[in-house]
Amino acid sequence: MEAALSEILSEGPLEIRPTQHVAIVNGRTLNLTRHELGLLVALARRSGAVIGREELAEQAWSRPLGAGDRSVDVYVRRLRQKLADAEPGWEFIHTHFAFGYRFGAERSQLLHIQSTSQ
């Protein structure tokens, strides 16, 4: 029980504390909605694994997706934007077309290309 209360998920400069309902990037708290945080936690708990949209909705929000429901995609887009605003040099959520999403902190390719060309 104590481990669940103090669970901390860390990837690169991102720290997620599910039981405290908070995500922190380099000491700054992200302003996330309940749905965004739920999705981020579901992805981070399976870091490195590709997870389908239906499974993500079930894990993050305890509900199945309806036919044509694109809410996972909408929340992923919002999360990516908030994470990019907080830490522009990193990418955390990666799309695997026709399969789903994968979570993992990686340095931004664009930033890497810009720094090597200077």
PDB file of N, CA and C in Angstrom:
ATOM      1  N   MET A   1       0.832  -1.202   0.000  1.00  0.00           N
ATOM      2  CA  MET A   1       0.000   0.000   0.000  1.00  0.00           C
ATOM      3  C   MET A   1       0.868   1.254   0.000  1.00  0.00           C
ATOM      4  N   GLU A   2       1.943   1.258   0.777  1.00  0.00           N
ATOM      5  CA  GLU A   2       2.838   2.409   0.857  1.00  0.00           C
ATOM      6  C   GLU A   2       3.462   2.714  -0.496  1.00  0.00           C
ATOM      7  N   ALA A   3       3.833   1.676  -1.262  1.00  0.00           N
ATOM      8  CA  ALA A   3       4.443   1.886  -2.573  1.00  0.00           C
ATOM      9  C   ALA A   3       3.472   2.599  -3.513  1.00  0.00           C
ATOM     10  N   ALA A   4       2.200   2.214  -3.483  1.00  0.00           N
ATOM     11  CA  ALA A   4       1.208   2.850  -4.354  1.00  0.00           C
ATOM     12  C   ALA A   4       1.011   4.315  -3.985  1.00  0.00           C
ATOM     13  N   LEU A   5       1.099   4.638  -2.713  1.00  0.00           N
ATOM     14  CA  LEU A   5       0.919   6.020  -2.271  1.00  0.00           C
ATOM     15  C   LEU A   5       2.075   6.912  -2.692  1.00  0.00           C
ATOM     16  N   SER A   6       3.259   6.324  -2.867  1.00  0.00           N
ATOM     17  CA  SER A   6       4.427   7.127  -3.201  1.00  0.00           C
ATOM     18  C   SER A   6       4.915   6.872  -4.628  1.00  0.00           C
ATOM     19  N   GLU A   7       4.073   6.321  -5.477  1.00  0.00           N
ATOM     20  CA  GLU A   7       4.473   6.012  -6.847  1.00  0.00           C
ATOM     21  C   GLU A   7       4.931   7.284  -7.573  1.00  0.00           C
ATOM     22  N   ILE A   8       6.114   7.193  -8.161  1.00  0.00           N
ATOM     23  CA  ILE A   8       6.645   8.275  -8.976  1.00  0.00           C
ATOM     24  C   ILE A   8       7.121   7.665 -10.283  1.00  0.00           C
ATOM     25  N   LEU A   9       6.621   8.198 -11.383  1.00  0.00           N
ATOM     26  CA  LEU A   9       7.012   7.744 -12.716  1.00  0.00           C
ATOM     27  C   LEU A   9       7.905   8.823 -13.318  1.00  0.00           C
ATOM     28  N   SER A  10       9.124   8.465 -13.691  1.00  0.00           N
ATOM     29  CA  SER A  10      10.076   9.446 -14.218  1.00  0.00           C
ATOM     30  C   SER A  10      10.553   9.051 -15.601  1.00  0.00           C
ATOM     31  N   GLU A  11      10.605  10.023 -16.478  1.00  0.00           N
ATOM     32  CA  GLU A  11      11.139   9.859 -17.831  1.00  0.00           C
ATOM     33  C   GLU A  11      11.833  11.160 -18.202  1.00  0.00           C
ATOM     34  N   GLY A  12      13.143  11.119 -18.400  1.00  0.00           N
ATOM     35  CA  GLY A  12      13.870  12.341 -18.731  1.00  0.00           C
ATOM     36  C   GLY A  12      13.576  13.416 -17.700  1.00  0.00           C
ATOM     37  N   PRO A  13      13.216  14.616 -18.136  1.00  0.00           N
ATOM     38  CA  PRO A  13      12.950  15.712 -17.194  1.00  0.00           C
ATOM     39  C   PRO A  13      11.523  15.702 -16.628  1.00  0.00           C
ATOM     40  N   LEU A  14      10.737  14.676 -16.966  1.00  0.00           N
ATOM     41  CA  LEU A  14       9.335  14.603 -16.537  1.00  0.00           C
ATOM     42  C   LEU A  14       9.176  13.670 -15.348  1.00  0.00           C
ATOM     43  N   GLU A  15       8.440  14.134 -14.350  1.00  0.00           N
ATOM     44  CA  GLU A  15       8.114  13.319 -13.177  1.00  0.00           C
ATOM     45  C   GLU A  15       6.599  13.352 -12.985  1.00  0.00           C
ATOM     46  N   ILE A  16       6.014  12.175 -12.845  1.00  0.00           N
ATOM     47  CA  ILE A  16       4.564  12.059 -12.678  1.00  0.00           C
ATOM     48  C   ILE A  16       4.306  11.406 -11.328  1.00  0.00           C
ATOM     49  N   ARG A  17       3.438  12.023 -10.540  1.00  0.00           N
ATOM     50  CA  ARG A  17       3.052  11.501  -9.224  1.00  0.00           C
ATOM     51  C   ARG A  17       1.544  11.247  -9.255  1.00  0.00           C
ATOM     52  N   PRO A  18       1.140  10.051  -9.668  1.00  0.00           N
ATOM     53  CA  PRO A  18      -0.284   9.755  -9.867  1.00  0.00           C
ATOM     54  C   PRO A  18      -1.149   9.973  -8.633  1.00  0.00           C
ATOM     55  N   THR A  19      -0.687   9.555  -7.473  1.00  0.00           N
ATOM     56  CA  THR A  19      -1.516   9.681  -6.275  1.00  0.00           C
ATOM     57  C   THR A  19      -1.664  11.128  -5.815  1.00  0.00           C
ATOM     58  N   GLN A  20      -0.741  11.980  -6.240  1.00  0.00           N
ATOM     59  CA  GLN A  20      -0.823  13.403  -5.912  1.00  0.00           C
ATOM     60  C   GLN A  20      -1.487  14.185  -7.045  1.00  0.00           C
ATOM     61  N   HIS A  21      -1.805  13.495  -8.146  1.00  0.00           N
ATOM     62  CA  HIS A  21      -2.463  14.108  -9.311  1.00  0.00           C
ATOM     63  C   HIS A  21      -1.646  15.261  -9.879  1.00  0.00           C
ATOM     64  N   VAL A  22      -0.341  14.999 -10.061  1.00  0.00           N
ATOM     65  CA  VAL A  22       0.539  16.054 -10.534  1.00  0.00           C
ATOM     66  C   VAL A  22       1.599  15.492 -11.486  1.00  0.00           C
ATOM     67  N   ALA A  23       1.970  16.320 -12.472  1.00  0.00           N
ATOM     68  CA  ALA A  23       3.096  16.036 -13.359  1.00  0.00           C
ATOM     69  C   ALA A  23       4.005  17.260 -13.307  1.00  0.00           C
ATOM     70  N   ILE A  24       5.302  17.005 -13.230  1.00  0.00           N
ATOM     71  CA  ILE A  24       6.278  18.076 -13.035  1.00  0.00           C
ATOM     72  C   ILE A  24       7.372  17.951 -14.091  1.00  0.00           C
ATOM     73  N   VAL A  25       7.716  19.062 -14.713  1.00  0.00           N
ATOM     74  CA  VAL A  25       8.832  19.116 -15.656  1.00  0.00           C
ATOM     75  C   VAL A  25       9.841  20.114 -15.118  1.00  0.00           C
ATOM     76  N   ASN A  26      11.036  19.608 -14.791  1.00  0.00           N
ATOM     77  CA  ASN A  26      12.109  20.467 -14.264  1.00  0.00           C
ATOM     78  C   ASN A  26      11.633  21.380 -13.140  1.00  0.00           C
ATOM     79  N   GLY A  27      10.884  20.823 -12.200  1.00  0.00           N
ATOM     80  CA  GLY A  27      10.430  21.575 -11.042  1.00  0.00           C
ATOM     81  C   GLY A  27       9.171  22.393 -11.251  1.00  0.00           C
ATOM     82  N   ARG A  28       8.650  22.452 -12.485  1.00  0.00           N
ATOM     83  CA  ARG A  28       7.438  23.216 -12.778  1.00  0.00           C
ATOM     84  C   ARG A  28       6.257  22.266 -12.943  1.00  0.00           C
ATOM     85  N   THR A  29       5.191  22.549 -12.238  1.00  0.00           N
ATOM     86  CA  THR A  29       3.988  21.729 -12.326  1.00  0.00           C
ATOM     87  C   THR A  29       3.242  22.039 -13.617  1.00  0.00           C
ATOM     88  N   LEU A  30       2.861  20.982 -14.338  1.00  0.00           N
ATOM     89  CA  LEU A  30       2.069  21.150 -15.551  1.00  0.00           C
ATOM     90  C   LEU A  30       0.605  21.339 -15.188  1.00  0.00           C
ATOM     91  N   ASN A  31      -0.078  22.170 -15.926  1.00  0.00           N
ATOM     92  CA  ASN A  31      -1.500  22.394 -15.720  1.00  0.00           C
ATOM     93  C   ASN A  31      -2.267  21.414 -16.612  1.00  0.00           C
ATOM     94  N   LEU A  32      -2.590  20.240 -16.068  1.00  0.00           N
ATOM     95  CA  LEU A  32      -3.256  19.188 -16.828  1.00  0.00           C
ATOM     96  C   LEU A  32      -4.672  18.956 -16.324  1.00  0.00           C
ATOM     97  N   THR A  33      -5.548  18.599 -17.251  1.00  0.00           N
ATOM     98  CA  THR A  33      -6.899  18.195 -16.862  1.00  0.00           C
ATOM     99  C   THR A  33      -6.851  16.767 -16.317  1.00  0.00           C
ATOM    100  N   ARG A  34      -7.941  16.349 -15.726  1.00  0.00           N
ATOM    101  CA  ARG A  34      -8.036  14.986 -15.189  1.00  0.00           C
ATOM    102  C   ARG A  34      -7.839  13.959 -16.303  1.00  0.00           C
ATOM    103  N   HIS A  35      -8.428  14.206 -17.465  1.00  0.00           N
ATOM    104  CA  HIS A  35      -8.294  13.275 -18.592  1.00  0.00           C
ATOM    105  C   HIS A  35      -6.863  13.249 -19.136  1.00  0.00           C
ATOM    106  N   GLU A  36      -6.226  14.410 -19.208  1.00  0.00           N
ATOM    107  CA  GLU A  36      -4.842  14.462 -19.681  1.00  0.00           C
ATOM    108  C   GLU A  36      -3.915  13.725 -18.729  1.00  0.00           C
ATOM    109  N   LEU A  37      -4.074  13.956 -17.436  1.00  0.00           N
ATOM    110  CA  LEU A  37      -3.227  13.277 -16.458  1.00  0.00           C
ATOM    111  C   LEU A  37      -3.469  11.772 -16.487  1.00  0.00           C
ATOM    112  N   GLY A  38      -4.723  11.362 -16.592  1.00  0.00           N
ATOM    113  CA  GLY A  38      -5.027   9.930 -16.666  1.00  0.00           C
ATOM    114  C   GLY A  38      -4.358   9.272 -17.859  1.00  0.00           C
ATOM    115  N   LEU A  39      -4.386   9.926 -18.979  1.00  0.00           N
ATOM    116  CA  LEU A  39      -3.753   9.405 -20.183  1.00  0.00           C
ATOM    117  C   LEU A  39      -2.231   9.358 -20.016  1.00  0.00           C
ATOM    118  N   LEU A  40      -1.652  10.409 -19.462  1.00  0.00           N
ATOM    119  CA  LEU A  40      -0.210  10.457 -19.240  1.00  0.00           C
ATOM    120  C   LEU A  40       0.241   9.344 -18.292  1.00  0.00           C
ATOM    121  N   VAL A  41      -0.498   9.125 -17.233  1.00  0.00           N
ATOM    122  CA  VAL A  41      -0.170   8.060 -16.278  1.00  0.00           C
ATOM    123  C   VAL A  41      -0.266   6.687 -16.952  1.00  0.00           C
ATOM    124  N   ALA A  42      -1.331   6.461 -17.720  1.00  0.00           N
ATOM    125  CA  ALA A  42      -1.494   5.176 -18.414  1.00  0.00           C
ATOM    126  C   ALA A  42      -0.328   4.920 -19.364  1.00  0.00           C
ATOM    127  N   LEU A  43       0.092   5.940 -20.091  1.00  0.00           N
ATOM    128  CA  LEU A  43       1.232   5.791 -20.997  1.00  0.00           C
ATOM    129  C   LEU A  43       2.529   5.546 -20.227  1.00  0.00           C
ATOM    130  N   ALA A  44       2.765   6.320 -19.180  1.00  0.00           N
ATOM    131  CA  ALA A  44       4.017   6.225 -18.426  1.00  0.00           C
ATOM    132  C   ALA A  44       4.153   4.893 -17.697  1.00  0.00           C
ATOM    133  N   ARG A  45       3.057   4.346 -17.238  1.00  0.00           N
ATOM    134  CA  ARG A  45       3.117   3.045 -16.551  1.00  0.00           C
ATOM    135  C   ARG A  45       3.518   1.917 -17.492  1.00  0.00           C
ATOM    136  N   ARG A  46       3.366   2.127 -18.781  1.00  0.00           N
ATOM    137  CA  ARG A  46       3.754   1.124 -19.784  1.00  0.00           C
ATOM    138  C   ARG A  46       4.823   1.699 -20.707  1.00  0.00           C
ATOM    139  N   SER A  47       5.713   2.494 -20.141  1.00  0.00           N
ATOM    140  CA  SER A  47       6.754   3.168 -20.903  1.00  0.00           C
ATOM    141  C   SER A  47       7.487   2.197 -21.823  1.00  0.00           C
ATOM    142  N   GLY A  48       7.638   2.624 -23.076  1.00  0.00           N
ATOM    143  CA  GLY A  48       8.335   1.810 -24.063  1.00  0.00           C
ATOM    144  C   GLY A  48       7.437   0.887 -24.865  1.00  0.00           C
ATOM    145  N   ALA A  49       6.231   0.630 -24.376  1.00  0.00           N
ATOM    146  CA  ALA A  49       5.296  -0.257 -25.062  1.00  0.00           C
ATOM    147  C   ALA A  49       4.367   0.554 -25.955  1.00  0.00           C
ATOM    148  N   VAL A  50       4.026  -0.013 -27.098  1.00  0.00           N
ATOM    149  CA  VAL A  50       3.033   0.619 -27.968  1.00  0.00           C
ATOM    150  C   VAL A  50       1.660   0.178 -27.482  1.00  0.00           C
ATOM    151  N   ILE A  51       0.792   1.142 -27.204  1.00  0.00           N
ATOM    152  CA  ILE A  51      -0.525   0.864 -26.642  1.00  0.00           C
ATOM    153  C   ILE A  51      -1.587   1.410 -27.595  1.00  0.00           C
ATOM    154  N   GLY A  52      -2.542   0.589 -27.928  1.00  0.00           N
ATOM    155  CA  GLY A  52      -3.624   0.998 -28.814  1.00  0.00           C
ATOM    156  C   GLY A  52      -4.555   1.998 -28.162  1.00  0.00           C
ATOM    157  N   ARG A  53      -5.259   2.754 -28.994  1.00  0.00           N
ATOM    158  CA  ARG A  53      -6.178   3.789 -28.505  1.00  0.00           C
ATOM    159  C   ARG A  53      -7.244   3.223 -27.580  1.00  0.00           C
ATOM    160  N   GLU A  54      -7.824   2.073 -27.953  1.00  0.00           N
ATOM    161  CA  GLU A  54      -8.885   1.478 -27.140  1.00  0.00           C
ATOM    162  C   GLU A  54      -8.369   1.090 -25.754  1.00  0.00           C
ATOM    163  N   GLU A  55      -7.187   0.479 -25.725  1.00  0.00           N
ATOM    164  CA  GLU A  55      -6.602   0.085 -24.446  1.00  0.00           C
ATOM    165  C   GLU A  55      -6.246   1.302 -23.603  1.00  0.00           C
ATOM    166  N   LEU A  56      -5.746   2.347 -24.239  1.00  0.00           N
ATOM    167  CA  LEU A  56      -5.429   3.577 -23.504  1.00  0.00           C
ATOM    168  C   LEU A  56      -6.666   4.186 -22.857  1.00  0.00           C
ATOM    169  N   ALA A  57      -7.759   4.236 -23.597  1.00  0.00           N
ATOM    170  CA  ALA A  57      -8.996   4.792 -23.045  1.00  0.00           C
ATOM    171  C   ALA A  57      -9.466   3.972 -21.849  1.00  0.00           C
ATOM    172  N   GLU A  58      -9.367   2.678 -21.968  1.00  0.00           N
ATOM    173  CA  GLU A  58      -9.795   1.802 -20.871  1.00  0.00           C
ATOM    174  C   GLU A  58      -8.909   2.001 -19.638  1.00  0.00           C
ATOM    175  N   GLN A  59      -7.598   2.052 -19.838  1.00  0.00           N
ATOM    176  CA  GLN A  59      -6.672   2.219 -18.711  1.00  0.00           C
ATOM    177  C   GLN A  59      -6.737   3.612 -18.110  1.00  0.00           C
ATOM    178  N   ALA A  60      -6.848   4.634 -18.963  1.00  0.00           N
ATOM    179  CA  ALA A  60      -6.804   6.017 -18.478  1.00  0.00           C
ATOM    180  C   ALA A  60      -8.114   6.473 -17.875  1.00  0.00           C
ATOM    181  N   TRP A  61      -9.224   6.058 -18.486  1.00  0.00           N
ATOM    182  CA  TRP A  61     -10.513   6.613 -18.107  1.00  0.00           C
ATOM    183  C   TRP A  61     -11.533   5.563 -17.707  1.00  0.00           C
ATOM    184  N   SER A  62     -11.133   4.291 -17.706  1.00  0.00           N
ATOM    185  CA  SER A  62     -12.026   3.179 -17.332  1.00  0.00           C
ATOM    186  C   SER A  62     -13.309   3.158 -18.152  1.00  0.00           C
ATOM    187  N   ARG A  63     -13.164   3.450 -19.442  1.00  0.00           N
ATOM    188  CA  ARG A  63     -14.320   3.382 -20.333  1.00  0.00           C
ATOM    189  C   ARG A  63     -13.850   3.006 -21.731  1.00  0.00           C
ATOM    190  N   PRO A  64     -14.660   2.265 -22.446  1.00  0.00           N
ATOM    191  CA  PRO A  64     -14.298   1.915 -23.819  1.00  0.00           C
ATOM    192  C   PRO A  64     -14.555   3.094 -24.766  1.00  0.00           C
ATOM    193  N   LEU A  65     -13.878   3.070 -25.887  1.00  0.00           N
ATOM    194  CA  LEU A  65     -14.129   4.074 -26.922  1.00  0.00           C
ATOM    195  C   LEU A  65     -15.339   3.657 -27.742  1.00  0.00           C
ATOM    196  N   GLY A  66     -16.152   4.615 -28.088  1.00  0.00           N
ATOM    197  CA  GLY A  66     -17.274   4.350 -28.984  1.00  0.00           C
ATOM    198  C   GLY A  66     -16.788   4.373 -30.427  1.00  0.00           C
ATOM    199  N   ALA A  67     -17.628   3.926 -31.319  1.00  0.00           N
ATOM    200  CA  ALA A  67     -17.293   3.927 -32.743  1.00  0.00           C
ATOM    201  C   ALA A  67     -16.997   5.354 -33.196  1.00  0.00           C
ATOM    202  N   GLY A  68     -15.863   5.555 -33.825  1.00  0.00           N
ATOM    203  CA  GLY A  68     -15.484   6.871 -34.318  1.00  0.00           C
ATOM    204  C   GLY A  68     -14.988   7.840 -33.259  1.00  0.00           C
ATOM    205  N   ASP A  69     -14.871   7.396 -32.020  1.00  0.00           N
ATOM    206  CA  ASP A  69     -14.420   8.260 -30.921  1.00  0.00           C
ATOM    207  C   ASP A  69     -12.925   8.541 -31.085  1.00  0.00           C
ATOM    208  N   ARG A  70     -12.565   9.802 -31.220  1.00  0.00           N
ATOM    209  CA  ARG A  70     -11.169  10.203 -31.402  1.00  0.00           C
ATOM    210  C   ARG A  70     -10.631  10.941 -30.172  1.00  0.00           C
ATOM    211  N   SER A  71     -11.274  10.755 -29.015  1.00  0.00           N
ATOM    212  CA  SER A  71     -10.874  11.509 -27.826  1.00  0.00           C
ATOM    213  C   SER A  71      -9.438  11.226 -27.401  1.00  0.00           C
ATOM    214  N   VAL A  72      -8.960   9.997 -27.560  1.00  0.00           N
ATOM    215  CA  VAL A  72      -7.569   9.703 -27.203  1.00  0.00           C
ATOM    216  C   VAL A  72      -6.640  10.562 -28.045  1.00  0.00           C
ATOM    217  N   ASP A  73      -6.904  10.646 -29.337  1.00  0.00           N
ATOM    218  CA  ASP A  73      -6.064  11.447 -30.228  1.00  0.00           C
ATOM    219  C   ASP A  73      -6.081  12.923 -29.845  1.00  0.00           C
ATOM    220  N   VAL A  74      -7.248  13.423 -29.483  1.00  0.00           N
ATOM    221  CA  VAL A  74      -7.373  14.824 -29.076  1.00  0.00           C
ATOM    222  C   VAL A  74      -6.552  15.086 -27.811  1.00  0.00           C
ATOM    223  N   TYR A  75      -6.671  14.207 -26.825  1.00  0.00           N
ATOM    224  CA  TYR A  75      -5.930  14.404 -25.580  1.00  0.00           C
ATOM    225  C   TYR A  75      -4.434  14.196 -25.762  1.00  0.00           C
ATOM    226  N   VAL A  76      -4.036  13.287 -26.634  1.00  0.00           N
ATOM    227  CA  VAL A  76      -2.610  13.120 -26.937  1.00  0.00           C
ATOM    228  C   VAL A  76      -2.060  14.407 -27.542  1.00  0.00           C
ATOM    229  N   ARG A  77      -2.799  15.006 -28.471  1.00  0.00           N
ATOM    230  CA  ARG A  77      -2.356  16.252 -29.100  1.00  0.00           C
ATOM    231  C   ARG A  77      -2.202  17.356 -28.040  1.00  0.00           C
ATOM    232  N   ARG A  78      -3.169  17.474 -27.142  1.00  0.00           N
ATOM    233  CA  ARG A  78      -3.089  18.489 -26.081  1.00  0.00           C
ATOM    234  C   ARG A  78      -1.906  18.239 -25.148  1.00  0.00           C
ATOM    235  N   LEU A  79      -1.718  16.977 -24.784  1.00  0.00           N
ATOM    236  CA  LEU A  79      -0.592  16.619 -23.913  1.00  0.00           C
ATOM    237  C   LEU A  79       0.740  16.940 -24.571  1.00  0.00           C
ATOM    238  N   ARG A  80       0.864  16.572 -25.831  1.00  0.00           N
ATOM    239  CA  ARG A  80       2.110  16.864 -26.556  1.00  0.00           C
ATOM    240  C   ARG A  80       2.401  18.362 -26.542  1.00  0.00           C
ATOM    241  N   GLN A  81       1.380  19.165 -26.760  1.00  0.00           N
ATOM    242  CA  GLN A  81       1.572  20.611 -26.792  1.00  0.00           C
ATOM    243  C   GLN A  81       2.008  21.126 -25.421  1.00  0.00           C
ATOM    244  N   LYS A  82       1.361  20.678 -24.371  1.00  0.00           N
ATOM    245  CA  LYS A  82       1.714  21.136 -23.025  1.00  0.00           C
ATOM    246  C   LYS A  82       3.121  20.684 -22.642  1.00  0.00           C
ATOM    247  N   LEU A  83       3.481  19.457 -23.002  1.00  0.00           N
ATOM    248  CA  LEU A  83       4.826  18.966 -22.712  1.00  0.00           C
ATOM    249  C   LEU A  83       5.870  19.727 -23.530  1.00  0.00           C
ATOM    250  N   ALA A  84       5.574  20.000 -24.789  1.00  0.00           N
ATOM    251  CA  ALA A  84       6.501  20.754 -25.644  1.00  0.00           C
ATOM    252  C   ALA A  84       6.674  22.183 -25.138  1.00  0.00           C
ATOM    253  N   ASP A  85       5.599  22.792 -24.663  1.00  0.00           N
ATOM    254  CA  ASP A  85       5.685  24.144 -24.106  1.00  0.00           C
ATOM    255  C   ASP A  85       6.551  24.159 -22.848  1.00  0.00           C
ATOM    256  N   ALA A  86       6.433  23.114 -22.031  1.00  0.00           N
ATOM    257  CA  ALA A  86       7.172  23.052 -20.774  1.00  0.00           C
ATOM    258  C   ALA A  86       8.634  22.658 -20.977  1.00  0.00           C
ATOM    259  N   GLU A  87       8.883  21.806 -21.968  1.00  0.00           N
ATOM    260  CA  GLU A  87      10.243  21.310 -22.199  1.00  0.00           C
ATOM    261  C   GLU A  87      10.443  21.092 -23.698  1.00  0.00           C
ATOM    262  N   PRO A  88      10.763  22.180 -24.438  1.00  0.00           N
ATOM    263  CA  PRO A  88      10.820  22.114 -25.897  1.00  0.00           C
ATOM    264  C   PRO A  88      11.842  21.142 -26.475  1.00  0.00           C
ATOM    265  N   GLY A  89      12.856  20.792 -25.766  1.00  0.00           N
ATOM    266  CA  GLY A  89      13.906  19.920 -26.292  1.00  0.00           C
ATOM    267  C   GLY A  89      13.610  18.436 -26.207  1.00  0.00           C
ATOM    268  N   TRP A  90      12.411  18.083 -25.745  1.00  0.00           N
ATOM    269  CA  TRP A  90      12.086  16.673 -25.532  1.00  0.00           C
ATOM    270  C   TRP A  90      10.776  16.296 -26.200  1.00  0.00           C
ATOM    271  N   GLU A  91      10.671  15.035 -26.587  1.00  0.00           N
ATOM    272  CA  GLU A  91       9.425  14.448 -27.068  1.00  0.00           C
ATOM    273  C   GLU A  91       9.123  13.260 -26.147  1.00  0.00           C
ATOM    274  N   PHE A  92       7.863  13.138 -25.734  1.00  0.00           N
ATOM    275  CA  PHE A  92       7.489  12.096 -24.779  1.00  0.00           C
ATOM    276  C   PHE A  92       6.501  11.083 -25.347  1.00  0.00           C
ATOM    277  N   ILE A  93       5.622  11.508 -26.236  1.00  0.00           N
ATOM    278  CA  ILE A  93       4.580  10.623 -26.764  1.00  0.00           C
ATOM    279  C   ILE A  93       4.817  10.452 -28.258  1.00  0.00           C
ATOM    280  N   HIS A  94       4.962   9.212 -28.679  1.00  0.00           N
ATOM    281  CA  HIS A  94       5.311   8.889 -30.056  1.00  0.00           C
ATOM    282  C   HIS A  94       4.189   8.082 -30.697  1.00  0.00           C
ATOM    283  N   THR A  95       3.845   8.448 -31.924  1.00  0.00           N
ATOM    284  CA  THR A  95       2.789   7.763 -32.660  1.00  0.00           C
ATOM    285  C   THR A  95       3.364   6.601 -33.445  1.00  0.00           C
ATOM    286  N   HIS A  96       2.696   5.472 -33.357  1.00  0.00           N
ATOM    287  CA  HIS A  96       3.000   4.304 -34.192  1.00  0.00           C
ATOM    288  C   HIS A  96       1.743   4.082 -35.022  1.00  0.00           C
ATOM    289  N   PHE A  97       1.758   4.617 -36.243  1.00  0.00           N
ATOM    290  CA  PHE A  97       0.580   4.628 -37.099  1.00  0.00           C
ATOM    291  C   PHE A  97      -0.007   3.233 -37.245  1.00  0.00           C
ATOM    292  N   ALA A  98      -1.322   3.167 -37.115  1.00  0.00           N
ATOM    293  CA  ALA A  98      -2.127   1.945 -37.211  1.00  0.00           C
ATOM    294  C   ALA A  98      -1.957   1.024 -36.001  1.00  0.00           C
ATOM    295  N   PHE A  99      -1.131   1.431 -35.014  1.00  0.00           N
ATOM    296  CA  PHE A  99      -0.944   0.604 -33.828  1.00  0.00           C
ATOM    297  C   PHE A  99      -1.331   1.336 -32.547  1.00  0.00           C
ATOM    298  N   GLY A 100      -0.831   2.551 -32.364  1.00  0.00           N
ATOM    299  CA  GLY A 100      -1.148   3.280 -31.141  1.00  0.00           C
ATOM    300  C   GLY A 100      -0.059   4.263 -30.776  1.00  0.00           C
ATOM    301  N   TYR A 101       0.147   4.436 -29.484  1.00  0.00           N
ATOM    302  CA  TYR A 101       1.097   5.412 -28.972  1.00  0.00           C
ATOM    303  C   TYR A 101       2.097   4.729 -28.048  1.00  0.00           C
ATOM    304  N   ARG A 102       3.297   5.308 -28.010  1.00  0.00           N
ATOM    305  CA  ARG A 102       4.363   4.814 -27.129  1.00  0.00           C
ATOM    306  C   ARG A 102       4.882   5.993 -26.319  1.00  0.00           C
ATOM    307  N   PHE A 103       5.137   5.759 -25.045  1.00  0.00           N
ATOM    308  CA  PHE A 103       5.683   6.787 -24.167  1.00  0.00           C
ATOM    309  C   PHE A 103       7.160   6.516 -23.936  1.00  0.00           C
ATOM    310  N   GLY A 104       7.962   7.560 -24.050  1.00  0.00           N
ATOM    311  CA  GLY A 104       9.390   7.464 -23.773  1.00  0.00           C
ATOM    312  C   GLY A 104      10.031   8.810 -24.024  1.00  0.00           C
ATOM    313  N   ALA A 105      10.841   9.269 -23.090  1.00  0.00           N
ATOM    314  CA  ALA A 105      11.494  10.567 -23.221  1.00  0.00           C
ATOM    315  C   ALA A 105      12.637  10.454 -24.220  1.00  0.00           C
ATOM    316  N   GLU A 106      12.577  11.269 -25.259  1.00  0.00           N
ATOM    317  CA  GLU A 106      13.629  11.300 -26.272  1.00  0.00           C
ATOM    318  C   GLU A 106      13.917  12.751 -26.612  1.00  0.00           C
ATOM    319  N   ARG A 107      15.179  13.045 -26.809  1.00  0.00           N
ATOM    320  CA  ARG A 107      15.549  14.394 -27.240  1.00  0.00           C
ATOM    321  C   ARG A 107      14.917  14.660 -28.596  1.00  0.00           C
ATOM    322  N   SER A 108      14.428  15.855 -28.780  1.00  0.00           N
ATOM    323  CA  SER A 108      13.783  16.239 -30.030  1.00  0.00           C
ATOM    324  C   SER A 108      14.772  16.148 -31.185  1.00  0.00           C
ATOM    325  N   GLN A 109      14.375  15.494 -32.272  1.00  0.00           N
ATOM    326  CA  GLN A 109      15.221  15.377 -33.454  1.00  0.00           C
ATOM    327  C   GLN A 109      15.494  16.746 -34.053  1.00  0.00           C
ATOM    328  N   LEU A 110      14.493  17.605 -34.097  1.00  0.00           N
ATOM    329  CA  LEU A 110      14.654  18.939 -34.667  1.00  0.00           C
ATOM    330  C   LEU A 110      15.705  19.724 -33.893  1.00  0.00           C
ATOM    331  N   LEU A 111      15.661  19.644 -32.576  1.00  0.00           N
ATOM    332  CA  LEU A 111      16.630  20.353 -31.748  1.00  0.00           C
ATOM    333  C   LEU A 111      18.017  19.790 -31.995  1.00  0.00           C
ATOM    334  N   HIS A 112      18.123  18.478 -32.129  1.00  0.00           N
ATOM    335  CA  HIS A 112      19.410  17.824 -32.355  1.00  0.00           C
ATOM    336  C   HIS A 112      19.989  18.265 -33.710  1.00  0.00           C
ATOM    337  N   ILE A 113      19.165  18.312 -34.745  1.00  0.00           N
ATOM    338  CA  ILE A 113      19.622  18.716 -36.070  1.00  0.00           C
ATOM    339  C   ILE A 113      20.090  20.172 -36.059  1.00  0.00           C
ATOM    340  N   GLN A 114      19.340  21.043 -35.372  1.00  0.00           N
ATOM    341  CA  GLN A 114      19.704  22.454 -35.300  1.00  0.00           C
ATOM    342  C   GLN A 114      21.038  22.649 -34.573  1.00  0.00           C
ATOM    343  N   SER A 115      21.252  21.907 -33.475  1.00  0.00           N
ATOM    344  CA  SER A 115      22.478  22.104 -32.695  1.00  0.00           C
ATOM    345  C   SER A 115      23.705  21.546 -33.414  1.00  0.00           C
ATOM    346  N   THR A 116      23.551  20.509 -34.245  1.00  0.00           N
ATOM    347  CA  THR A 116      24.702  19.962 -34.951  1.00  0.00           C
ATOM    348  C   THR A 116      25.049  20.764 -36.205  1.00  0.00           C
ATOM    349  N   SER A 117      24.111  21.561 -36.716  1.00  0.00           N
ATOM    350  CA  SER A 117      24.370  22.337 -37.912  1.00  0.00           C
ATOM    351  C   SER A 117      24.987  23.699 -37.602  1.00  0.00           C
ATOM    352  N   GLN A 118      25.096  24.054 -36.350  1.00  0.00           N
ATOM    353  CA  GLN A 118      25.644  25.365 -35.984  1.00  0.00           C
ATOM    354  C   GLN A 118      27.132  25.288 -35.729  1.00  0.00           C
TER     355      GLN A 118
END
